[in-house]
PDB file of N, CA and C in Angstrom:
ATOM      1  N   MET A   1     113.321 105.953 115.477  1.00  0.00           N
ATOM      2  CA  MET A   1     112.171 104.970 115.285  1.00  0.00           C
ATOM      3  C   MET A   1     112.743 103.984 114.185  1.00  0.00           C
ATOM      4  N   ALA A   2     112.739 102.745 114.669  1.00  0.00           N
ATOM      5  CA  ALA A   2     113.145 101.573 113.525  1.00  0.00           C
ATOM      6  C   ALA A   2     111.900 101.410 112.443  1.00  0.00           C
ATOM      7  N   ALA A   3     112.263 101.349 111.194  1.00  0.00           N
ATOM      8  CA  ALA A   3     111.391 101.199 110.061  1.00  0.00           C
ATOM      9  C   ALA A   3     111.800 100.328 108.962  1.00  0.00           C
ATOM     10  N   THR A   4     111.045  99.566 108.353  1.00  0.00           N
ATOM     11  CA  THR A   4     111.302  98.856 107.217  1.00  0.00           C
ATOM     12  C   THR A   4     110.360  99.174 106.191  1.00  0.00           C
ATOM     13  N   ILE A   5     110.981  99.296 104.960  1.00  0.00           N
ATOM     14  CA  ILE A   5     110.018  99.452 103.774  1.00  0.00           C
ATOM     15  C   ILE A   5     110.298  98.437 102.780  1.00  0.00           C
ATOM     16  N   TYR A   6     109.278  97.700 102.431  1.00  0.00           N
ATOM     17  CA  TYR A   6     109.428  96.765 101.270  1.00  0.00           C
ATOM     18  C   TYR A   6     109.279  97.365  99.881  1.00  0.00           C
ATOM     19  N   HIS A   7     110.364  97.829  99.064  1.00  0.00           N
ATOM     20  CA  HIS A   7     110.219  98.750  98.150  1.00  0.00           C
ATOM     21  C   HIS A   7     110.449  98.148  96.898  1.00  0.00           C
ATOM     22  N   ASN A   8     110.010  98.867  96.063  1.00  0.00           N
ATOM     23  CA  ASN A   8     110.173  98.613  94.390  1.00  0.00           C
ATOM     24  C   ASN A   8     110.864 100.030  93.850  1.00  0.00           C
ATOM     25  N   PRO A   9     111.906 100.373  93.460  1.00  0.00           N
ATOM     26  CA  PRO A   9     112.312 101.456  93.194  1.00  0.00           C
ATOM     27  C   PRO A   9     111.520 102.043  92.043  1.00  0.00           C
ATOM     28  N   ARG A  10     111.075 101.124  91.159  1.00  0.00           N
ATOM     29  CA  ARG A  10     110.427 101.579  89.918  1.00  0.00           C
ATOM     30  C   ARG A  10     109.174 102.218  90.194  1.00  0.00           C
ATOM     31  N   CYS A  11     108.469 101.998  91.322  1.00  0.00           N
ATOM     32  CA  CYS A  11     107.191 102.253  91.726  1.00  0.00           C
ATOM     33  C   CYS A  11     107.160 103.817  92.329  1.00  0.00           C
ATOM     34  N   SER A  12     106.397 104.823  91.787  1.00  0.00           N
ATOM     35  CA  SER A  12     106.355 106.191  92.313  1.00  0.00           C
ATOM     36  C   SER A  12     105.749 106.302  93.565  1.00  0.00           C
ATOM     37  N   THR A  13     104.801 105.363  94.042  1.00  0.00           N
ATOM     38  CA  THR A  13     104.237 105.366  95.239  1.00  0.00           C
ATOM     39  C   THR A  13     105.370 104.875  96.330  1.00  0.00           C
ATOM     40  N   SER A  14     105.875 103.828  96.031  1.00  0.00           N
ATOM     41  CA  SER A  14     107.077 103.251  96.739  1.00  0.00           C
ATOM     42  C   SER A  14     107.960 104.526  97.004  1.00  0.00           C
ATOM     43  N   ARG A  15     108.509 105.027  95.992  1.00  0.00           N
ATOM     44  CA  ARG A  15     109.478 106.129  96.300  1.00  0.00           C
ATOM     45  C   ARG A  15     109.090 107.471  96.906  1.00  0.00           C
ATOM     46  N   LYS A  16     107.936 107.694  96.834  1.00  0.00           N
ATOM     47  CA  LYS A  16     107.280 108.697  97.659  1.00  0.00           C
ATOM     48  C   LYS A  16     107.019 108.186  99.187  1.00  0.00           C
ATOM     49  N   ALA A  17     106.893 106.964  99.468  1.00  0.00           N
ATOM     50  CA  ALA A  17     106.716 106.653 100.567  1.00  0.00           C
ATOM     51  C   ALA A  17     108.189 106.616 101.380  1.00  0.00           C
ATOM     52  N   LEU A  18     109.120 106.199 100.673  1.00  0.00           N
ATOM     53  CA  LEU A  18     110.537 106.259 101.136  1.00  0.00           C
ATOM     54  C   LEU A  18     110.956 107.660 101.426  1.00  0.00           C
ATOM     55  N   ASP A  19     110.640 108.564 100.650  1.00  0.00           N
ATOM     56  CA  ASP A  19     110.902 109.891 100.806  1.00  0.00           C
ATOM     57  C   ASP A  19     110.170 110.558 102.112  1.00  0.00           C
ATOM     58  N   GLY A  20     108.910 110.015 102.388  1.00  0.00           N
ATOM     59  CA  GLY A  20     108.243 110.475 103.288  1.00  0.00           C
ATOM     60  C   GLY A  20     108.813 110.060 104.693  1.00  0.00           C
ATOM     61  N   LEU A  21     109.232 108.873 104.570  1.00  0.00           N
ATOM     62  CA  LEU A  21     109.860 108.381 105.830  1.00  0.00           C
ATOM     63  C   LEU A  21     111.191 109.058 106.235  1.00  0.00           C
ATOM     64  N   ARG A  22     111.996 109.492 105.001  1.00  0.00           N
ATOM     65  CA  ARG A  22     113.215 110.274 105.264  1.00  0.00           C
ATOM     66  C   ARG A  22     112.774 111.887 105.741  1.00  0.00           C
ATOM     67  N   ASP A  23     111.756 112.151 105.134  1.00  0.00           N
ATOM     68  CA  ASP A  23     111.313 113.371 105.314  1.00  0.00           C
ATOM     69  C   ASP A  23     110.966 113.542 107.065  1.00  0.00           C
ATOM     70  N   ALA A  24     110.473 112.490 107.559  1.00  0.00           N
ATOM     71  CA  ALA A  24     110.126 112.451 109.054  1.00  0.00           C
ATOM     72  C   ALA A  24     111.354 112.141 109.816  1.00  0.00           C
ATOM     73  N   GLY A  25     112.485 112.030 109.188  1.00  0.00           N
ATOM     74  CA  GLY A  25     113.814 112.014 110.184  1.00  0.00           C
ATOM     75  C   GLY A  25     113.855 110.358 110.159  1.00  0.00           C
ATOM     76  N   ILE A  26     113.183 109.435 109.556  1.00  0.00           N
ATOM     77  CA  ILE A  26     113.413 107.974 109.643  1.00  0.00           C
ATOM     78  C   ILE A  26     114.123 107.470 108.495  1.00  0.00           C
ATOM     79  N   GLU A  27     115.291 106.942 108.664  1.00  0.00           N
ATOM     80  CA  GLU A  27     116.297 106.123 107.814  1.00  0.00           C
ATOM     81  C   GLU A  27     115.906 104.760 108.022  1.00  0.00           C
ATOM     82  N   PRO A  28     114.865 104.334 106.909  1.00  0.00           N
ATOM     83  CA  PRO A  28     114.451 102.749 107.173  1.00  0.00           C
ATOM     84  C   PRO A  28     115.565 101.797 106.506  1.00  0.00           C
ATOM     85  N   THR A  29     115.168 100.643 106.973  1.00  0.00           N
ATOM     86  CA  THR A  29     115.800  99.578 106.295  1.00  0.00           C
ATOM     87  C   THR A  29     115.126  99.269 104.914  1.00  0.00           C
ATOM     88  N   VAL A  30     115.626  99.246 103.821  1.00  0.00           N
ATOM     89  CA  VAL A  30     115.143  99.075 102.738  1.00  0.00           C
ATOM     90  C   VAL A  30     115.460  97.807 102.112  1.00  0.00           C
ATOM     91  N   VAL A  31     114.096  96.938 101.971  1.00  0.00           N
ATOM     92  CA  VAL A  31     114.128  95.539 101.296  1.00  0.00           C
ATOM     93  C   VAL A  31     113.482  95.749  99.983  1.00  0.00           C
ATOM     94  N   LYS A  32     114.414  95.541  99.083  1.00  0.00           N
ATOM     95  CA  LYS A  32     114.071  95.208  97.586  1.00  0.00           C
ATOM     96  C   LYS A  32     113.257  94.152  97.221  1.00  0.00           C
ATOM     97  N   TYR A  33     112.057  93.838  97.622  1.00  0.00           N
ATOM     98  CA  TYR A  33     111.601  92.568  97.613  1.00  0.00           C
ATOM     99  C   TYR A  33     111.649  91.825  96.334  1.00  0.00           C
ATOM    100  N   LEU A  34     111.792  92.575  95.151  1.00  0.00           N
ATOM    101  CA  LEU A  34     111.907  91.867  93.855  1.00  0.00           C
ATOM    102  C   LEU A  34     113.379  91.214  93.658  1.00  0.00           C
ATOM    103  N   ASP A  35     114.225  91.734  94.546  1.00  0.00           N
ATOM    104  CA  ASP A  35     115.695  90.965  94.419  1.00  0.00           C
ATOM    105  C   ASP A  35     115.766  90.356  95.737  1.00  0.00           C
ATOM    106  N   GLU A  36     115.119  90.280  96.722  1.00  0.00           N
ATOM    107  CA  GLU A  36     115.083  89.675  97.829  1.00  0.00           C
ATOM    108  C   GLU A  36     113.903  89.100  98.245  1.00  0.00           C
ATOM    109  N   PRO A  37     113.144  87.959  97.561  1.00  0.00           N
ATOM    110  CA  PRO A  37     111.749  87.905  97.377  1.00  0.00           C
ATOM    111  C   PRO A  37     111.108  87.574  98.932  1.00  0.00           C
ATOM    112  N   TYR A  38     109.859  87.678  99.200  1.00  0.00           N
ATOM    113  CA  TYR A  38     109.323  87.341 100.537  1.00  0.00           C
ATOM    114  C   TYR A  38     109.374  85.864 100.522  1.00  0.00           C
ATOM    115  N   THR A  39     109.212  85.578 102.131  1.00  0.00           N
ATOM    116  CA  THR A  39     109.010  84.142 102.043  1.00  0.00           C
ATOM    117  C   THR A  39     107.523  84.299 102.606  1.00  0.00           C
ATOM    118  N   ARG A  40     107.129  82.877 102.476  1.00  0.00           N
ATOM    119  CA  ARG A  40     105.676  82.877 103.066  1.00  0.00           C
ATOM    120  C   ARG A  40     105.429  83.414 104.413  1.00  0.00           C
ATOM    121  N   ALA A  41     106.148  82.989 105.123  1.00  0.00           N
ATOM    122  CA  ALA A  41     106.080  83.463 106.654  1.00  0.00           C
ATOM    123  C   ALA A  41     106.067  85.037 106.708  1.00  0.00           C
ATOM    124  N   GLN A  42     106.971  85.717 106.063  1.00  0.00           N
ATOM    125  CA  GLN A  42     107.039  87.064 106.001  1.00  0.00           C
ATOM    126  C   GLN A  42     105.705  87.758 105.436  1.00  0.00           C
ATOM    127  N   LEU A  43     105.172  87.169 104.383  1.00  0.00           N
ATOM    128  CA  LEU A  43     103.976  87.657 103.653  1.00  0.00           C
ATOM    129  C   LEU A  43     102.863  87.413 104.716  1.00  0.00           C
ATOM    130  N   GLU A  44     102.746  86.285 105.603  1.00  0.00           N
ATOM    131  CA  GLU A  44     101.518  86.100 106.402  1.00  0.00           C
ATOM    132  C   GLU A  44     101.577  87.154 107.700  1.00  0.00           C
ATOM    133  N   LYS A  45     103.065  87.269 107.970  1.00  0.00           N
ATOM    134  CA  LYS A  45     102.996  88.359 109.228  1.00  0.00           C
ATOM    135  C   LYS A  45     102.636  89.637 108.625  1.00  0.00           C
ATOM    136  N   LEU A  46     103.176  90.074 107.644  1.00  0.00           N
ATOM    137  CA  LEU A  46     103.033  91.481 107.064  1.00  0.00           C
ATOM    138  C   LEU A  46     101.522  91.667 106.938  1.00  0.00           C
ATOM    139  N   PHE A  47     100.781  90.674 106.287  1.00  0.00           N
ATOM    140  CA  PHE A  47      99.442  91.020 105.964  1.00  0.00           C
ATOM    141  C   PHE A  47      98.442  90.883 107.244  1.00  0.00           C
ATOM    142  N   ALA A  48      99.001  90.004 108.355  1.00  0.00           N
ATOM    143  CA  ALA A  48      98.239  89.746 109.374  1.00  0.00           C
ATOM    144  C   ALA A  48      98.341  91.146 110.234  1.00  0.00           C
ATOM    145  N   ASP A  49      99.703  91.457 110.259  1.00  0.00           N
ATOM    146  CA  ASP A  49     100.015  92.856 111.112  1.00  0.00           C
ATOM    147  C   ASP A  49      99.154  94.197 110.547  1.00  0.00           C
ATOM    148  N   ALA A  50      99.048  94.008 109.135  1.00  0.00           N
ATOM    149  CA  ALA A  50      98.288  95.123 108.296  1.00  0.00           C
ATOM    150  C   ALA A  50      96.909  94.950 108.500  1.00  0.00           C
ATOM    151  N   GLY A  51      96.293  93.834 108.877  1.00  0.00           N
ATOM    152  CA  GLY A  51      94.890  93.540 108.977  1.00  0.00           C
ATOM    153  C   GLY A  51      94.379  93.502 107.578  1.00  0.00           C
ATOM    154  N   LEU A  52      95.160  92.796 106.724  1.00  0.00           N
ATOM    155  CA  LEU A  52      94.842  92.552 105.366  1.00  0.00           C
ATOM    156  C   LEU A  52      94.724  91.001 105.051  1.00  0.00           C
ATOM    157  N   THR A  53      93.948  90.452 104.083  1.00  0.00           N
ATOM    158  CA  THR A  53      94.167  89.256 103.498  1.00  0.00           C
ATOM    159  C   THR A  53      95.242  89.383 102.224  1.00  0.00           C
ATOM    160  N   ALA A  54      95.546  87.991 101.956  1.00  0.00           N
ATOM    161  CA  ALA A  54      96.436  88.129 100.871  1.00  0.00           C
ATOM    162  C   ALA A  54      95.593  88.747  99.523  1.00  0.00           C
ATOM    163  N   HIS A  55      94.382  88.352  99.335  1.00  0.00           N
ATOM    164  CA  HIS A  55      93.717  89.073  98.368  1.00  0.00           C
ATOM    165  C   HIS A  55      93.546  90.659  98.312  1.00  0.00           C
ATOM    166  N   GLU A  56      93.445  91.175  99.373  1.00  0.00           N
ATOM    167  CA  GLU A  56      93.341  92.474  99.760  1.00  0.00           C
ATOM    168  C   GLU A  56      94.646  93.135  99.514  1.00  0.00           C
ATOM    169  N   ALA A  57      95.800  92.454  99.709  1.00  0.00           N
ATOM    170  CA  ALA A  57      97.096  92.890  99.423  1.00  0.00           C
ATOM    171  C   ALA A  57      97.896  92.479  97.903  1.00  0.00           C
ATOM    172  N   ALA A  58      96.889  92.182  97.161  1.00  0.00           N
ATOM    173  CA  ALA A  58      97.170  91.658  95.941  1.00  0.00           C
ATOM    174  C   ALA A  58      97.225  92.905  94.696  1.00  0.00           C
ATOM    175  N   ARG A  59      98.212  93.090  93.740  1.00  0.00           N
ATOM    176  CA  ARG A  59      98.279  94.094  92.949  1.00  0.00           C
ATOM    177  C   ARG A  59      97.517  93.855  91.846  1.00  0.00           C
ATOM    178  N   ARG A  60      96.311  94.521  91.778  1.00  0.00           N
ATOM    179  CA  ARG A  60      95.406  94.104  90.784  1.00  0.00           C
ATOM    180  C   ARG A  60      95.874  94.605  89.498  1.00  0.00           C
ATOM    181  N   ARG A  61      96.715  95.447  89.245  1.00  0.00           N
ATOM    182  CA  ARG A  61      97.102  96.427  87.945  1.00  0.00           C
ATOM    183  C   ARG A  61      98.234  95.568  87.192  1.00  0.00           C
ATOM    184  N   ASP A  62      98.821  94.350  87.986  1.00  0.00           N
ATOM    185  CA  ASP A  62      99.865  93.822  87.199  1.00  0.00           C
ATOM    186  C   ASP A  62      99.185  92.699  86.131  1.00  0.00           C
ATOM    187  N   PRO A  63      99.681  92.500  85.091  1.00  0.00           N
ATOM    188  CA  PRO A  63      99.172  91.520  84.093  1.00  0.00           C
ATOM    189  C   PRO A  63      99.091  90.363  84.759  1.00  0.00           C
ATOM    190  N   LEU A  64     100.008  89.848  85.580  1.00  0.00           N
ATOM    191  CA  LEU A  64      99.953  88.534  86.222  1.00  0.00           C
ATOM    192  C   LEU A  64      98.627  88.154  86.889  1.00  0.00           C
ATOM    193  N   TYR A  65      98.227  89.425  87.615  1.00  0.00           N
ATOM    194  CA  TYR A  65      97.000  89.104  88.388  1.00  0.00           C
ATOM    195  C   TYR A  65      95.687  88.503  87.451  1.00  0.00           C
ATOM    196  N   THR A  66      95.691  88.974  86.139  1.00  0.00           N
ATOM    197  CA  THR A  66      94.708  88.392  85.192  1.00  0.00           C
ATOM    198  C   THR A  66      95.044  87.156  84.913  1.00  0.00           C
ATOM    199  N   GLU A  67      96.324  87.138  84.491  1.00  0.00           N
ATOM    200  CA  GLU A  67      96.815  85.779  83.833  1.00  0.00           C
ATOM    201  C   GLU A  67      96.690  84.533  84.854  1.00  0.00           C
ATOM    202  N   LEU A  68      96.720  84.832  86.171  1.00  0.00           N
ATOM    203  CA  LEU A  68      96.838  83.939  87.158  1.00  0.00           C
ATOM    204  C   LEU A  68      95.291  83.648  87.733  1.00  0.00           C
ATOM    205  N   ASP A  69      94.663  84.389  87.106  1.00  0.00           N
ATOM    206  CA  ASP A  69      92.980  84.480  87.651  1.00  0.00           C
ATOM    207  C   ASP A  69      93.138  84.565  89.208  1.00  0.00           C
ATOM    208  N   VAL A  70      93.649  85.543  89.746  1.00  0.00           N
ATOM    209  CA  VAL A  70      93.887  85.658  91.166  1.00  0.00           C
ATOM    210  C   VAL A  70      92.741  85.596  91.947  1.00  0.00           C
ATOM    211  N   PRO A  71      91.552  86.063  91.322  1.00  0.00           N
ATOM    212  CA  PRO A  71      90.413  86.023  92.241  1.00  0.00           C
ATOM    213  C   PRO A  71      89.840  84.566  92.483  1.00  0.00           C
ATOM    214  N   SER A  72      90.331  83.904  91.358  1.00  0.00           N
ATOM    215  CA  SER A  72      89.670  82.297  91.838  1.00  0.00           C
ATOM    216  C   SER A  72      90.772  81.495  92.665  1.00  0.00           C
ATOM    217  N   LEU A  73      91.793  82.154  93.184  1.00  0.00           N
ATOM    218  CA  LEU A  73      92.685  81.433  94.008  1.00  0.00           C
ATOM    219  C   LEU A  73      92.174  81.530  95.386  1.00  0.00           C
ATOM    220  N   THR A  74      92.684  80.406  96.199  1.00  0.00           N
ATOM    221  CA  THR A  74      92.363  80.480  97.635  1.00  0.00           C
ATOM    222  C   THR A  74      93.463  81.229  98.284  1.00  0.00           C
ATOM    223  N   GLU A  75      93.172  81.499  99.493  1.00  0.00           N
ATOM    224  CA  GLU A  75      94.319  82.467 100.266  1.00  0.00           C
ATOM    225  C   GLU A  75      95.671  81.580 100.099  1.00  0.00           C
ATOM    226  N   ASP A  76      95.478  80.411 100.357  1.00  0.00           N
ATOM    227  CA  ASP A  76      96.966  79.716 100.141  1.00  0.00           C
ATOM    228  C   ASP A  76      97.519  79.843  98.952  1.00  0.00           C
ATOM    229  N   GLN A  77      96.877  79.225  97.966  1.00  0.00           N
ATOM    230  CA  GLN A  77      97.045  79.258  96.578  1.00  0.00           C
ATOM    231  C   GLN A  77      97.787  80.873  96.258  1.00  0.00           C
ATOM    232  N   LEU A  78      97.110  81.703  96.559  1.00  0.00           N
ATOM    233  CA  LEU A  78      97.504  83.099  96.345  1.00  0.00           C
ATOM    234  C   LEU A  78      98.959  83.361  97.278  1.00  0.00           C
ATOM    235  N   LEU A  79      99.076  83.108  98.320  1.00  0.00           N
ATOM    236  CA  LEU A  79     100.296  83.284  99.095  1.00  0.00           C
ATOM    237  C   LEU A  79     101.348  82.583  98.523  1.00  0.00           C
ATOM    238  N   ASP A  80     101.170  81.317  97.842  1.00  0.00           N
ATOM    239  CA  ASP A  80     102.092  80.630  97.237  1.00  0.00           C
ATOM    240  C   ASP A  80     102.592  81.407  95.971  1.00  0.00           C
ATOM    241  N   ALA A  81     101.474  82.011  95.305  1.00  0.00           N
ATOM    242  CA  ALA A  81     101.722  82.725  93.945  1.00  0.00           C
ATOM    243  C   ALA A  81     102.655  83.882  94.190  1.00  0.00           C
ATOM    244  N   MET A  82     102.238  84.519  95.210  1.00  0.00           N
ATOM    245  CA  MET A  82     103.035  85.929  95.567  1.00  0.00           C
ATOM    246  C   MET A  82     104.438  85.549  96.223  1.00  0.00           C
ATOM    247  N   VAL A  83     104.653  84.141  96.851  1.00  0.00           N
ATOM    248  CA  VAL A  83     106.270  83.813  97.055  1.00  0.00           C
ATOM    249  C   VAL A  83     106.906  83.869  95.679  1.00  0.00           C
ATOM    250  N   GLU A  84     106.226  82.969  94.877  1.00  0.00           N
ATOM    251  CA  GLU A  84     106.698  82.826  93.527  1.00  0.00           C
ATOM    252  C   GLU A  84     106.900  83.964  92.621  1.00  0.00           C
ATOM    253  N   HIS A  85     106.014  84.874  92.880  1.00  0.00           N
ATOM    254  CA  HIS A  85     105.990  85.984  91.932  1.00  0.00           C
ATOM    255  C   HIS A  85     105.766  87.229  92.903  1.00  0.00           C
ATOM    256  N   PRO A  86     106.715  87.700  93.375  1.00  0.00           N
ATOM    257  CA  PRO A  86     106.515  88.840  94.395  1.00  0.00           C
ATOM    258  C   PRO A  86     106.093  89.917  93.941  1.00  0.00           C
ATOM    259  N   ILE A  87     106.236  90.271  92.374  1.00  0.00           N
ATOM    260  CA  ILE A  87     105.325  91.404  91.811  1.00  0.00           C
ATOM    261  C   ILE A  87     103.876  91.502  91.901  1.00  0.00           C
ATOM    262  N   LEU A  88     103.176  90.457  92.490  1.00  0.00           N
ATOM    263  CA  LEU A  88     101.949  90.331  92.851  1.00  0.00           C
ATOM    264  C   LEU A  88     101.490  90.968  94.022  1.00  0.00           C
ATOM    265  N   VAL A  89     102.591  91.231  94.991  1.00  0.00           N
ATOM    266  CA  VAL A  89     102.182  92.090  96.110  1.00  0.00           C
ATOM    267  C   VAL A  89     102.156  93.477  95.923  1.00  0.00           C
ATOM    268  N   GLU A  90     101.032  94.054  96.396  1.00  0.00           N
ATOM    269  CA  GLU A  90     100.828  95.432  96.343  1.00  0.00           C
ATOM    270  C   GLU A  90     102.149  96.173  97.097  1.00  0.00           C
ATOM    271  N   ARG A  91     102.370  97.147  96.900  1.00  0.00           N
ATOM    272  CA  ARG A  91     103.636  98.126  97.505  1.00  0.00           C
ATOM    273  C   ARG A  91     103.023  99.352  97.781  1.00  0.00           C
ATOM    274  N   PRO A  92     103.817  99.937  98.659  1.00  0.00           N
ATOM    275  CA  PRO A  92     104.854  99.307  99.549  1.00  0.00           C
ATOM    276  C   PRO A  92     104.030  99.165 100.913  1.00  0.00           C
ATOM    277  N   PHE A  93     104.683  98.010 101.354  1.00  0.00           N
ATOM    278  CA  PHE A  93     104.315  97.719 102.861  1.00  0.00           C
ATOM    279  C   PHE A  93     105.535  98.520 103.751  1.00  0.00           C
ATOM    280  N   VAL A  94     105.162  99.002 104.814  1.00  0.00           N
ATOM    281  CA  VAL A  94     105.991  99.710 105.775  1.00  0.00           C
ATOM    282  C   VAL A  94     105.807  99.176 107.074  1.00  0.00           C
ATOM    283  N   VAL A  95     106.991  99.032 107.780  1.00  0.00           N
ATOM    284  CA  VAL A  95     106.631  98.535 109.290  1.00  0.00           C
ATOM    285  C   VAL A  95     107.313  99.371 110.138  1.00  0.00           C
ATOM    286  N   THR A  96     106.606  99.852 111.066  1.00  0.00           N
ATOM    287  CA  THR A  96     107.472 100.715 112.166  1.00  0.00           C
ATOM    288  C   THR A  96     107.256 100.311 113.430  1.00  0.00           C
ATOM    289  N   ASP A  97     107.782 100.771 114.523  1.00  0.00           N
ATOM    290  CA  ASP A  97     107.399 100.528 115.830  1.00  0.00           C
ATOM    291  C   ASP A  97     106.143 100.732 116.078  1.00  0.00           C
ATOM    292  N   LYS A  98     105.237 101.478 115.450  1.00  0.00           N
ATOM    293  CA  LYS A  98     103.815 102.015 115.706  1.00  0.00           C
ATOM    294  C   LYS A  98     102.989 100.866 114.776  1.00  0.00           C
ATOM    295  N   GLY A  99     103.423 100.065 113.955  1.00  0.00           N
ATOM    296  CA  GLY A  99     102.578  99.100 113.070  1.00  0.00           C
ATOM    297  C   GLY A  99     102.987  98.881 111.809  1.00  0.00           C
ATOM    298  N   THR A 100     102.126  98.057 111.037  1.00  0.00           N
ATOM    299  CA  THR A 100     102.462  97.878 109.734  1.00  0.00           C
ATOM    300  C   THR A 100     101.279  98.336 108.769  1.00  0.00           C
ATOM    301  N   ARG A 101     101.638  98.776 107.698  1.00  0.00           N
ATOM    302  CA  ARG A 101     100.723  99.606 106.857  1.00  0.00           C
ATOM    303  C   ARG A 101     101.027  99.113 105.237  1.00  0.00           C
ATOM    304  N   LEU A 102     100.218  99.022 104.587  1.00  0.00           N
ATOM    305  CA  LEU A 102     100.237  99.028 103.322  1.00  0.00           C
ATOM    306  C   LEU A 102     100.067 100.607 102.907  1.00  0.00           C
ATOM    307  N   ALA A 103     101.143 101.275 102.679  1.00  0.00           N
ATOM    308  CA  ALA A 103     101.119 102.770 102.334  1.00  0.00           C
ATOM    309  C   ALA A 103     100.574 103.304 100.992  1.00  0.00           C
ATOM    310  N   ARG A 104      99.292 102.735 100.870  1.00  0.00           N
ATOM    311  CA  ARG A 104      98.695 103.086  99.518  1.00  0.00           C
ATOM    312  C   ARG A 104      97.251 103.259 100.095  1.00  0.00           C
ATOM    313  N   PRO A 105      96.589 104.372 100.138  1.00  0.00           N
ATOM    314  CA  PRO A 105      97.333 105.433  99.769  1.00  0.00           C
ATOM    315  C   PRO A 105      98.240 106.005 100.663  1.00  0.00           C
ATOM    316  N   LEU A 106      99.166 106.907 100.076  1.00  0.00           N
ATOM    317  CA  LEU A 106     100.364 107.471 101.001  1.00  0.00           C
ATOM    318  C   LEU A 106      99.930 107.965 102.349  1.00  0.00           C
ATOM    319  N   ALA A 107      98.867 108.386 102.542  1.00  0.00           N
ATOM    320  CA  ALA A 107      98.271 108.849 103.969  1.00  0.00           C
ATOM    321  C   ALA A 107      98.246 107.877 104.864  1.00  0.00           C
ATOM    322  N   LYS A 108      98.079 106.509 104.550  1.00  0.00           N
ATOM    323  CA  LYS A 108      98.259 105.368 105.554  1.00  0.00           C
ATOM    324  C   LYS A 108      99.547 105.504 106.194  1.00  0.00           C
ATOM    325  N   LEU A 109     100.666 105.884 105.680  1.00  0.00           N
ATOM    326  CA  LEU A 109     101.860 105.993 106.037  1.00  0.00           C
ATOM    327  C   LEU A 109     101.999 106.894 107.521  1.00  0.00           C
ATOM    328  N   ASP A 110     101.145 107.873 107.316  1.00  0.00           N
ATOM    329  CA  ASP A 110     101.031 108.930 108.556  1.00  0.00           C
ATOM    330  C   ASP A 110     100.483 107.965 109.886  1.00  0.00           C
ATOM    331  N   GLU A 111      99.880 107.064 109.616  1.00  0.00           N
ATOM    332  CA  GLU A 111      99.133 106.359 110.794  1.00  0.00           C
ATOM    333  C   GLU A 111     100.309 105.758 111.776  1.00  0.00           C
ATOM    334  N   ILE A 112     101.380 105.429 110.962  1.00  0.00           N
ATOM    335  CA  ILE A 112     102.714 104.623 111.699  1.00  0.00           C
ATOM    336  C   ILE A 112     103.869 105.439 111.730  1.00  0.00           C
ATOM    337  N   ILE A 113     104.021 106.740 111.753  1.00  0.00           N
ATOM    338  CA  ILE A 113     105.236 107.379 111.705  1.00  0.00           C
ATOM    339  C   ILE A 113     104.878 108.476 112.672  1.00  0.00           C
TER     340      ILE A 113
END
């Protein structure tokens, strides 16, 4: 099965998701999105495929969330902010042949492997 994980190696949930894929016999393409930032088109597709809005996919625990007053932003403004500051995107997003999920909680990963 082909898989891609949008990964932040400093995030324990992201590391656990990567381990979960490998434990299932899947060697995913690993995209370190802080090194290779998202494009707006990538974010729009990821969110649409996962059934999420940009606001639902925003990382609320990052200080930038408060600093930018994310709740006051429109979806378009938030997408632009996420392209500029990829740390605002919750992690990890995982894409497999069975679908796309924000693997938080990790049990969501089971839906697509």
